[in-house]
PDB file of all heavy atoms in Angstrom:
ATOM      1  N   VAL A   1    -106.744  93.970 107.195  1.00  0.00           N
ATOM      2  CA  VAL A   1    -106.222  94.108 105.842  1.00  0.00           C
ATOM      3  C   VAL A   1    -106.941  93.069 104.998  1.00  0.00           C
ATOM      4  O   VAL A   1    -106.901  91.874 105.301  1.00  0.00           O
ATOM      5  CB  VAL A   1    -104.692  93.874 105.786  1.00  0.00           C
ATOM      6  CG1 VAL A   1    -104.181  94.044 104.356  1.00  0.00           C
ATOM      7  CG2 VAL A   1    -103.967  94.795 106.737  1.00  0.00           C
ATOM      8  N   THR A   2    -107.617  93.539 103.941  1.00  0.00           N
ATOM      9  CA  THR A   2    -108.429  92.655 103.124  1.00  0.00           C
ATOM     10  C   THR A   2    -108.488  93.170 101.692  1.00  0.00           C
ATOM     11  O   THR A   2    -108.174  94.328 101.440  1.00  0.00           O
ATOM     12  CB  THR A   2    -109.858  92.542 103.707  1.00  0.00           C
ATOM     13  OG1 THR A   2    -110.643  91.689 102.895  1.00  0.00           O
ATOM     14  CG2 THR A   2    -110.517  93.893 103.831  1.00  0.00           C
ATOM     15  N   THR A   3    -108.890  92.322 100.781  1.00  0.00           N
ATOM     16  CA  THR A   3    -109.122  92.762  99.408  1.00  0.00           C
ATOM     17  C   THR A   3    -110.605  93.029  99.189  1.00  0.00           C
ATOM     18  O   THR A   3    -111.006  93.465  98.122  1.00  0.00           O
ATOM     19  CB  THR A   3    -108.633  91.708  98.399  1.00  0.00           C
ATOM     20  OG1 THR A   3    -109.261  90.466  98.678  1.00  0.00           O
ATOM     21  CG2 THR A   3    -107.123  91.565  98.453  1.00  0.00           C
ATOM     22  N   SER A   4    -111.412  92.789 100.196  1.00  0.00           N
ATOM     23  CA  SER A   4    -112.859  93.023 100.109  1.00  0.00           C
ATOM     24  C   SER A   4    -113.203  94.390 100.680  1.00  0.00           C
ATOM     25  O   SER A   4    -112.567  94.862 101.607  1.00  0.00           O
ATOM     26  CB  SER A   4    -113.612  91.969 100.920  1.00  0.00           C
ATOM     27  OG  SER A   4    -113.322  90.679 100.456  1.00  0.00           O
ATOM     28  N   GLN A   5    -114.242  94.997 100.129  1.00  0.00           N
ATOM     29  CA  GLN A   5    -114.743  96.236 100.710  1.00  0.00           C
ATOM     30  C   GLN A   5    -115.687  95.847 101.834  1.00  0.00           C
ATOM     31  O   GLN A   5    -116.601  95.054 101.645  1.00  0.00           O
ATOM     32  CB  GLN A   5    -115.475  97.079  99.679  1.00  0.00           C
ATOM     33  CG  GLN A   5    -115.895  98.414 100.223  1.00  0.00           C
ATOM     34  CD  GLN A   5    -116.350  99.361  99.121  1.00  0.00           C
ATOM     35  OE1 GLN A   5    -116.257  99.047  97.940  1.00  0.00           O
ATOM     36  NE2 GLN A   5    -116.836 100.511  99.513  1.00  0.00           N
ATOM     37  N   LEU A   6    -115.439  96.376 103.018  1.00  0.00           N
ATOM     38  CA  LEU A   6    -116.227  96.028 104.190  1.00  0.00           C
ATOM     39  C   LEU A   6    -117.211  97.138 104.537  1.00  0.00           C
ATOM     40  O   LEU A   6    -116.907  98.318 104.367  1.00  0.00           O
ATOM     41  CB  LEU A   6    -115.310  95.778 105.395  1.00  0.00           C
ATOM     42  CG  LEU A   6    -114.257  94.685 105.246  1.00  0.00           C
ATOM     43  CD1 LEU A   6    -113.405  94.602 106.503  1.00  0.00           C
ATOM     44  CD2 LEU A   6    -114.894  93.347 104.939  1.00  0.00           C
ATOM     45  N   SER A   7    -118.345  96.736 105.058  1.00  0.00           N
ATOM     46  CA  SER A   7    -119.322  97.687 105.573  1.00  0.00           C
ATOM     47  C   SER A   7    -118.984  97.954 107.029  1.00  0.00           C
ATOM     48  O   SER A   7    -118.934  97.032 107.848  1.00  0.00           O
ATOM     49  CB  SER A   7    -120.731  97.101 105.458  1.00  0.00           C
ATOM     50  OG  SER A   7    -121.619  97.785 106.301  1.00  0.00           O
ATOM     51  N   GLU A   8    -118.744  99.215 107.354  1.00  0.00           N
ATOM     52  CA  GLU A   8    -118.399  99.580 108.730  1.00  0.00           C
ATOM     53  C   GLU A   8    -119.488  99.118 109.697  1.00  0.00           C
ATOM     54  O   GLU A   8    -119.195  98.582 110.767  1.00  0.00           O
ATOM     55  CB  GLU A   8    -118.220 101.098 108.820  1.00  0.00           C
ATOM     56  CG  GLU A   8    -117.868 101.584 110.202  1.00  0.00           C
ATOM     57  CD  GLU A   8    -117.650 103.089 110.247  1.00  0.00           C
ATOM     58  OE1 GLU A   8    -117.472 103.720 109.195  1.00  0.00           O
ATOM     59  OE2 GLU A   8    -117.661 103.621 111.366  1.00  0.00           O
ATOM     60  N   THR A   9    -120.742  99.285 109.314  1.00  0.00           N
ATOM     61  CA  THR A   9    -121.864  98.886 110.158  1.00  0.00           C
ATOM     62  C   THR A   9    -121.852  97.387 110.433  1.00  0.00           C
ATOM     63  O   THR A   9    -122.056  96.957 111.568  1.00  0.00           O
ATOM     64  CB  THR A   9    -123.198  99.286 109.482  1.00  0.00           C
ATOM     65  OG1 THR A   9    -123.158 100.676 109.193  1.00  0.00           O
ATOM     66  CG2 THR A   9    -124.376  98.994 110.373  1.00  0.00           C
ATOM     67  N   GLU A  10    -121.579  96.586 109.393  1.00  0.00           N
ATOM     68  CA  GLU A  10    -121.554  95.132 109.569  1.00  0.00           C
ATOM     69  C   GLU A  10    -120.388  94.688 110.449  1.00  0.00           C
ATOM     70  O   GLU A  10    -120.538  93.799 111.280  1.00  0.00           O
ATOM     71  CB  GLU A  10    -121.493  94.437 108.210  1.00  0.00           C
ATOM     72  CG  GLU A  10    -122.769  94.555 107.414  1.00  0.00           C
ATOM     73  CD  GLU A  10    -122.671  93.918 106.033  1.00  0.00           C
ATOM     74  OE1 GLU A  10    -121.654  93.261 105.735  1.00  0.00           O
ATOM     75  OE2 GLU A  10    -123.625  94.084 105.257  1.00  0.00           O
ATOM     76  N   VAL A  11    -119.218  95.297 110.261  1.00  0.00           N
ATOM     77  CA  VAL A  11    -118.045  94.941 111.071  1.00  0.00           C
ATOM     78  C   VAL A  11    -118.327  95.247 112.542  1.00  0.00           C
ATOM     79  O   VAL A  11    -118.065  94.422 113.422  1.00  0.00           O
ATOM     80  CB  VAL A  11    -116.784  95.685 110.575  1.00  0.00           C
ATOM     81  CG1 VAL A  11    -115.625  95.504 111.552  1.00  0.00           C
ATOM     82  CG2 VAL A  11    -116.391  95.204 109.191  1.00  0.00           C
ATOM     83  N   ILE A  12    -118.888  96.411 112.817  1.00  0.00           N
ATOM     84  CA  ILE A  12    -119.190  96.808 114.198  1.00  0.00           C
ATOM     85  C   ILE A  12    -120.243  95.878 114.794  1.00  0.00           C
ATOM     86  O   ILE A  12    -120.137  95.469 115.953  1.00  0.00           O
ATOM     87  CB  ILE A  12    -119.617  98.288 114.249  1.00  0.00           C
ATOM     88  CG1 ILE A  12    -118.393  99.161 113.942  1.00  0.00           C
ATOM     89  CG2 ILE A  12    -120.220  98.650 115.598  1.00  0.00           C
ATOM     90  CD1 ILE A  12    -118.694 100.625 113.727  1.00  0.00           C
ATOM     91  N   ALA A  13    -121.240  95.497 114.001  1.00  0.00           N
ATOM     92  CA  ALA A  13    -122.293  94.593 114.484  1.00  0.00           C
ATOM     93  C   ALA A  13    -121.735  93.208 114.801  1.00  0.00           C
ATOM     94  O   ALA A  13    -122.081  92.603 115.824  1.00  0.00           O
ATOM     95  CB  ALA A  13    -123.411  94.490 113.450  1.00  0.00           C
ATOM     96  N   VAL A  14    -120.850  92.710 113.947  1.00  0.00           N
ATOM     97  CA  VAL A  14    -120.248  91.391 114.182  1.00  0.00           C
ATOM     98  C   VAL A  14    -119.420  91.411 115.462  1.00  0.00           C
ATOM     99  O   VAL A  14    -119.481  90.486 116.271  1.00  0.00           O
ATOM    100  CB  VAL A  14    -119.393  90.955 112.962  1.00  0.00           C
ATOM    101  CG1 VAL A  14    -118.457  89.823 113.310  1.00  0.00           C
ATOM    102  CG2 VAL A  14    -120.306  90.548 111.813  1.00  0.00           C
ATOM    103  N   ALA A  15    -118.651  92.465 115.667  1.00  0.00           N
ATOM    104  CA  ALA A  15    -117.842  92.579 116.891  1.00  0.00           C
ATOM    105  C   ALA A  15    -118.741  92.608 118.120  1.00  0.00           C
ATOM    106  O   ALA A  15    -118.421  92.017 119.152  1.00  0.00           O
ATOM    107  CB  ALA A  15    -116.966  93.827 116.830  1.00  0.00           C
ATOM    108  N   GLY A  16    -119.869  93.269 118.000  1.00  0.00           N
ATOM    109  CA  GLY A  16    -120.807  93.349 119.114  1.00  0.00           C
ATOM    110  C   GLY A  16    -121.351  91.990 119.529  1.00  0.00           C
ATOM    111  O   GLY A  16    -121.734  91.796 120.687  1.00  0.00           O
ATOM    112  N   GLN A  17    -121.363  91.035 118.617  1.00  0.00           N
ATOM    113  CA  GLN A  17    -121.843  89.687 118.934  1.00  0.00           C
ATOM    114  C   GLN A  17    -121.006  89.014 120.014  1.00  0.00           C
ATOM    115  O   GLN A  17    -121.487  88.114 120.696  1.00  0.00           O
ATOM    116  CB  GLN A  17    -121.863  88.805 117.682  1.00  0.00           C
ATOM    117  CG  GLN A  17    -122.888  89.221 116.662  1.00  0.00           C
ATOM    118  CD  GLN A  17    -122.808  88.380 115.403  1.00  0.00           C
ATOM    119  OE1 GLN A  17    -122.134  87.349 115.350  1.00  0.00           O
ATOM    120  NE2 GLN A  17    -123.494  88.816 114.363  1.00  0.00           N
ATOM    121  N   VAL A  18    -119.750  89.423 120.143  1.00  0.00           N
ATOM    122  CA  VAL A  18    -118.882  88.840 121.172  1.00  0.00           C
ATOM    123  C   VAL A  18    -118.526  89.863 122.245  1.00  0.00           C
ATOM    124  O   VAL A  18    -117.546  89.712 122.969  1.00  0.00           O
ATOM    125  CB  VAL A  18    -117.602  88.204 120.564  1.00  0.00           C
ATOM    126  CG1 VAL A  18    -117.941  86.978 119.756  1.00  0.00           C
ATOM    127  CG2 VAL A  18    -116.812  89.209 119.746  1.00  0.00           C
ATOM    128  N   GLY A  19    -119.306  90.937 122.327  1.00  0.00           N
ATOM    129  CA  GLY A  19    -119.107  91.922 123.385  1.00  0.00           C
ATOM    130  C   GLY A  19    -117.975  92.897 123.161  1.00  0.00           C
ATOM    131  O   GLY A  19    -117.440  93.469 124.109  1.00  0.00           O
ATOM    132  N   VAL A  20    -117.595  93.099 121.896  1.00  0.00           N
ATOM    133  CA  VAL A  20    -116.513  94.035 121.577  1.00  0.00           C
ATOM    134  C   VAL A  20    -117.108  95.253 120.884  1.00  0.00           C
ATOM    135  O   VAL A  20    -117.882  95.124 119.936  1.00  0.00           O
ATOM    136  CB  VAL A  20    -115.455  93.369 120.666  1.00  0.00           C
ATOM    137  CG1 VAL A  20    -114.395  94.376 120.241  1.00  0.00           C
ATOM    138  CG2 VAL A  20    -114.815  92.184 121.372  1.00  0.00           C
ATOM    139  N   ALA A  21    -116.763  96.429 121.376  1.00  0.00           N
ATOM    140  CA  ALA A  21    -117.201  97.680 120.755  1.00  0.00           C
ATOM    141  C   ALA A  21    -116.067  98.216 119.889  1.00  0.00           C
ATOM    142  O   ALA A  21    -114.914  98.250 120.317  1.00  0.00           O
ATOM    143  CB  ALA A  21    -117.570  98.699 121.821  1.00  0.00           C
ATOM    144  N   LEU A  22    -116.395  98.620 118.669  1.00  0.00           N
ATOM    145  CA  LEU A  22    -115.409  99.159 117.743  1.00  0.00           C
ATOM    146  C   LEU A  22    -115.815 100.559 117.314  1.00  0.00           C
ATOM    147  O   LEU A  22    -116.998 100.832 117.096  1.00  0.00           O
ATOM    148  CB  LEU A  22    -115.299  98.291 116.489  1.00  0.00           C
ATOM    149  CG  LEU A  22    -114.828  96.854 116.657  1.00  0.00           C
ATOM    150  CD1 LEU A  22    -114.836  96.142 115.304  1.00  0.00           C
ATOM    151  CD2 LEU A  22    -113.441  96.798 117.270  1.00  0.00           C
ATOM    152  N   VAL A  23    -114.810 101.424 117.183  1.00  0.00           N
ATOM    153  CA  VAL A  23    -115.007 102.756 116.638  1.00  0.00           C
ATOM    154  C   VAL A  23    -113.992 102.902 115.517  1.00  0.00           C
ATOM    155  O   VAL A  23    -112.781 102.744 115.738  1.00  0.00           O
ATOM    156  CB  VAL A  23    -114.786 103.862 117.704  1.00  0.00           C
ATOM    157  CG1 VAL A  23    -114.888 105.240 117.065  1.00  0.00           C
ATOM    158  CG2 VAL A  23    -115.775 103.706 118.845  1.00  0.00           C
ATOM    159  N   ARG A  24    -114.462 103.186 114.315  1.00  0.00           N
ATOM    160  CA  ARG A  24    -113.585 103.284 113.145  1.00  0.00           C
ATOM    161  C   ARG A  24    -112.685 104.495 113.265  1.00  0.00           C
ATOM    162  O   ARG A  24    -113.132 105.592 113.635  1.00  0.00           O
ATOM    163  CB  ARG A  24    -114.441 103.381 111.876  1.00  0.00           C
ATOM    164  CG  ARG A  24    -113.665 103.572 110.591  1.00  0.00           C
ATOM    165  CD  ARG A  24    -113.263 102.242 109.968  1.00  0.00           C
ATOM    166  NE  ARG A  24    -112.353 102.400 108.871  1.00  0.00           N
ATOM    167  CZ  ARG A  24    -112.700 102.504 107.600  1.00  0.00           C
ATOM    168  NH1 ARG A  24    -113.966 102.458 107.262  1.00  0.00           N
ATOM    169  NH2 ARG A  24    -111.792 102.638 106.670  1.00  0.00           N
ATOM    170  N   ILE A  25    -111.420 104.303 112.972  1.00  0.00           N
ATOM    171  CA  ILE A  25    -110.445 105.386 112.908  1.00  0.00           C
ATOM    172  C   ILE A  25    -110.097 105.554 111.433  1.00  0.00           C
ATOM    173  O   ILE A  25    -109.497 104.661 110.841  1.00  0.00           O
ATOM    174  CB  ILE A  25    -109.166 105.055 113.708  1.00  0.00           C
ATOM    175  CG1 ILE A  25    -109.491 104.782 115.160  1.00  0.00           C
ATOM    176  CG2 ILE A  25    -108.144 106.180 113.564  1.00  0.00           C
ATOM    177  CD1 ILE A  25    -108.311 104.237 115.959  1.00  0.00           C
ATOM    178  N   PRO A  26    -110.504 106.657 110.818  1.00  0.00           N
ATOM    179  CA  PRO A  26    -110.177 106.857 109.402  1.00  0.00           C
ATOM    180  C   PRO A  26    -108.662 106.856 109.205  1.00  0.00           C
ATOM    181  O   PRO A  26    -107.932 107.503 109.950  1.00  0.00           O
ATOM    182  CB  PRO A  26    -110.778 108.228 109.073  1.00  0.00           C
ATOM    183  CG  PRO A  26    -111.813 108.444 110.134  1.00  0.00           C
ATOM    184  CD  PRO A  26    -111.300 107.742 111.357  1.00  0.00           C
ATOM    185  N   MET A  27    -108.205 106.098 108.221  1.00  0.00           N
ATOM    186  CA  MET A  27    -106.766 105.955 107.994  1.00  0.00           C
ATOM    187  C   MET A  27    -106.116 107.285 107.620  1.00  0.00           C
ATOM    188  O   MET A  27    -104.960 107.498 107.928  1.00  0.00           O
ATOM    189  CB  MET A  27    -106.492 104.926 106.898  1.00  0.00           C
ATOM    190  CG  MET A  27    -106.867 103.510 107.289  1.00  0.00           C
ATOM    191  SD  MET A  27    -105.916 102.847 108.662  1.00  0.00           S
ATOM    192  CE  MET A  27    -104.415 102.418 107.831  1.00  0.00           C
ATOM    193  N   HIS A  28    -106.827 108.194 107.009  1.00  0.00           N
ATOM    194  CA  HIS A  28    -106.212 109.459 106.606  1.00  0.00           C
ATOM    195  C   HIS A  28    -105.973 110.402 107.784  1.00  0.00           C
ATOM    196  O   HIS A  28    -105.299 111.399 107.637  1.00  0.00           O
ATOM    197  CB  HIS A  28    -107.057 110.161 105.538  1.00  0.00           C
ATOM    198  CG  HIS A  28    -108.385 110.632 106.026  1.00  0.00           C
ATOM    199  ND1 HIS A  28    -109.491 109.824 106.050  1.00  0.00           N
ATOM    200  CD2 HIS A  28    -108.776 111.821 106.539  1.00  0.00           C
ATOM    201  CE1 HIS A  28    -110.515 110.493 106.546  1.00  0.00           C
ATOM    202  NE2 HIS A  28    -110.111 111.712 106.842  1.00  0.00           N
ATOM    203  N   THR A  29    -106.490 110.054 108.963  1.00  0.00           N
ATOM    204  CA  THR A  29    -106.294 110.933 110.117  1.00  0.00           C
ATOM    205  C   THR A  29    -105.002 110.642 110.860  1.00  0.00           C
ATOM    206  O   THR A  29    -104.648 111.362 111.768  1.00  0.00           O
ATOM    207  CB  THR A  29    -107.467 110.822 111.119  1.00  0.00           C
ATOM    208  OG1 THR A  29    -107.529 109.480 111.604  1.00  0.00           O
ATOM    209  CG2 THR A  29    -108.774 111.214 110.475  1.00  0.00           C
ATOM    210  N   ILE A  30    -104.314 109.584 110.475  1.00  0.00           N
ATOM    211  CA  ILE A  30    -103.043 109.269 111.132  1.00  0.00           C
ATOM    212  C   ILE A  30    -101.942 109.285 110.089  1.00  0.00           C
ATOM    213  O   ILE A  30    -102.152 108.894 108.946  1.00  0.00           O
ATOM    214  CB  ILE A  30    -103.095 107.903 111.854  1.00  0.00           C
ATOM    215  CG1 ILE A  30    -103.545 106.792 110.919  1.00  0.00           C
ATOM    216  CG2 ILE A  30    -104.006 107.964 113.060  1.00  0.00           C
ATOM    217  CD1 ILE A  30    -103.525 105.423 111.523  1.00  0.00           C
ATOM    218  N   GLY A  31    -100.780 109.763 110.493  1.00  0.00           N
ATOM    219  CA  GLY A  31     -99.669 109.870 109.555  1.00  0.00           C
ATOM    220  C   GLY A  31     -99.141 108.517 109.126  1.00  0.00           C
ATOM    221  O   GLY A  31     -99.032 108.222 107.954  1.00  0.00           O
ATOM    222  N   THR A  32     -98.815 107.693 110.093  1.00  0.00           N
ATOM    223  CA  THR A  32     -98.313 106.356 109.782  1.00  0.00           C
ATOM    224  C   THR A  32     -98.882 105.406 110.813  1.00  0.00           C
ATOM    225  O   THR A  32     -99.241 105.786 111.915  1.00  0.00           O
ATOM    226  CB  THR A  32     -96.769 106.294 109.866  1.00  0.00           C
ATOM    227  OG1 THR A  32     -96.368 106.697 111.173  1.00  0.00           O
ATOM    228  CG2 THR A  32     -96.122 107.173 108.819  1.00  0.00           C
ATOM    229  N   VAL A  33     -98.926 104.153 110.416  1.00  0.00           N
ATOM    230  CA  VAL A  33     -99.389 103.115 111.344  1.00  0.00           C
ATOM    231  C   VAL A  33     -98.175 102.658 112.126  1.00  0.00           C
ATOM    232  O   VAL A  33     -97.084 102.482 111.583  1.00  0.00           O
ATOM    233  CB  VAL A  33    -100.008 101.937 110.556  1.00  0.00           C
ATOM    234  CG1 VAL A  33    -100.418 100.822 111.503  1.00  0.00           C
ATOM    235  CG2 VAL A  33    -101.216 102.415 109.765  1.00  0.00           C
ATOM    236  N   ALA A  34     -98.358 102.487 113.416  1.00  0.00           N
ATOM    237  CA  ALA A  34     -97.246 102.058 114.278  1.00  0.00           C
ATOM    238  C   ALA A  34     -96.669 100.754 113.753  1.00  0.00           C
ATOM    239  O   ALA A  34     -97.388  99.903 113.252  1.00  0.00           O
ATOM    240  CB  ALA A  34     -97.754 101.870 115.700  1.00  0.00           C
ATOM    241  N   PRO A  35     -95.354 100.550 113.858  1.00  0.00           N
ATOM    242  CA  PRO A  35     -94.715  99.337 113.347  1.00  0.00           C
ATOM    243  C   PRO A  35     -95.355  98.056 113.900  1.00  0.00           C
ATOM    244  O   PRO A  35     -95.402  97.060 113.221  1.00  0.00           O
ATOM    245  CB  PRO A  35     -93.254  99.467 113.813  1.00  0.00           C
ATOM    246  CG  PRO A  35     -93.059 100.926 114.018  1.00  0.00           C
ATOM    247  CD  PRO A  35     -94.389 101.472 114.432  1.00  0.00           C
ATOM    248  N   SER A  36     -95.866  98.080 115.110  1.00  0.00           N
ATOM    249  CA  SER A  36     -96.467  96.870 115.684  1.00  0.00           C
ATOM    250  C   SER A  36     -97.763  96.510 114.985  1.00  0.00           C
ATOM    251  O   SER A  36     -98.250  95.409 115.133  1.00  0.00           O
ATOM    252  CB  SER A  36     -96.726  97.062 117.180  1.00  0.00           C
ATOM    253  OG  SER A  36     -97.646  98.109 117.372  1.00  0.00           O
ATOM    254  N   MET A  37     -98.337  97.437 114.229  1.00  0.00           N
ATOM    255  CA  MET A  37     -99.598  97.190 113.542  1.00  0.00           C
ATOM    256  C   MET A  37     -99.397  96.685 112.114  1.00  0.00           C
ATOM    257  O   MET A  37    -100.326  96.369 111.437  1.00  0.00           O
ATOM    258  CB  MET A  37    -100.444  98.476 113.497  1.00  0.00           C
ATOM    259  CG  MET A  37    -100.899  98.944 114.859  1.00  0.00           C
ATOM    260  SD  MET A  37    -101.993  97.766 115.652  1.00  0.00           S
ATOM    261  CE  MET A  37    -103.422  97.893 114.615  1.00  0.00           C
ATOM    262  N   LYS A  38     -98.173  96.657 111.627  1.00  0.00           N
ATOM    263  CA  LYS A  38     -97.924  96.228 110.252  1.00  0.00           C
ATOM    264  C   LYS A  38     -98.008  94.742 110.132  1.00  0.00           C
ATOM    265  O   LYS A  38     -97.845  93.993 110.988  1.00  0.00           O
ATOM    266  CB  LYS A  38     -96.568  96.718 109.764  1.00  0.00           C
ATOM    267  CG  LYS A  38     -96.581  98.218 109.556  1.00  0.00           C
ATOM    268  CD  LYS A  38     -95.298  98.673 108.966  1.00  0.00           C
ATOM    269  CE  LYS A  38     -95.319 100.150 108.724  1.00  0.00           C
ATOM    270  NZ  LYS A  38     -94.107 100.644 108.181  1.00  0.00           N
TER     271      LYS A  38
END
């Protein structure tokens, strides 16, 4: 959650620096975010 617009490519690249792979999940594809994610 941020007020900045993020580049998906940059976020994925930064995560890769520590061995984490990320796949973007478009927010419009899910009805609601699970309460644990709020």
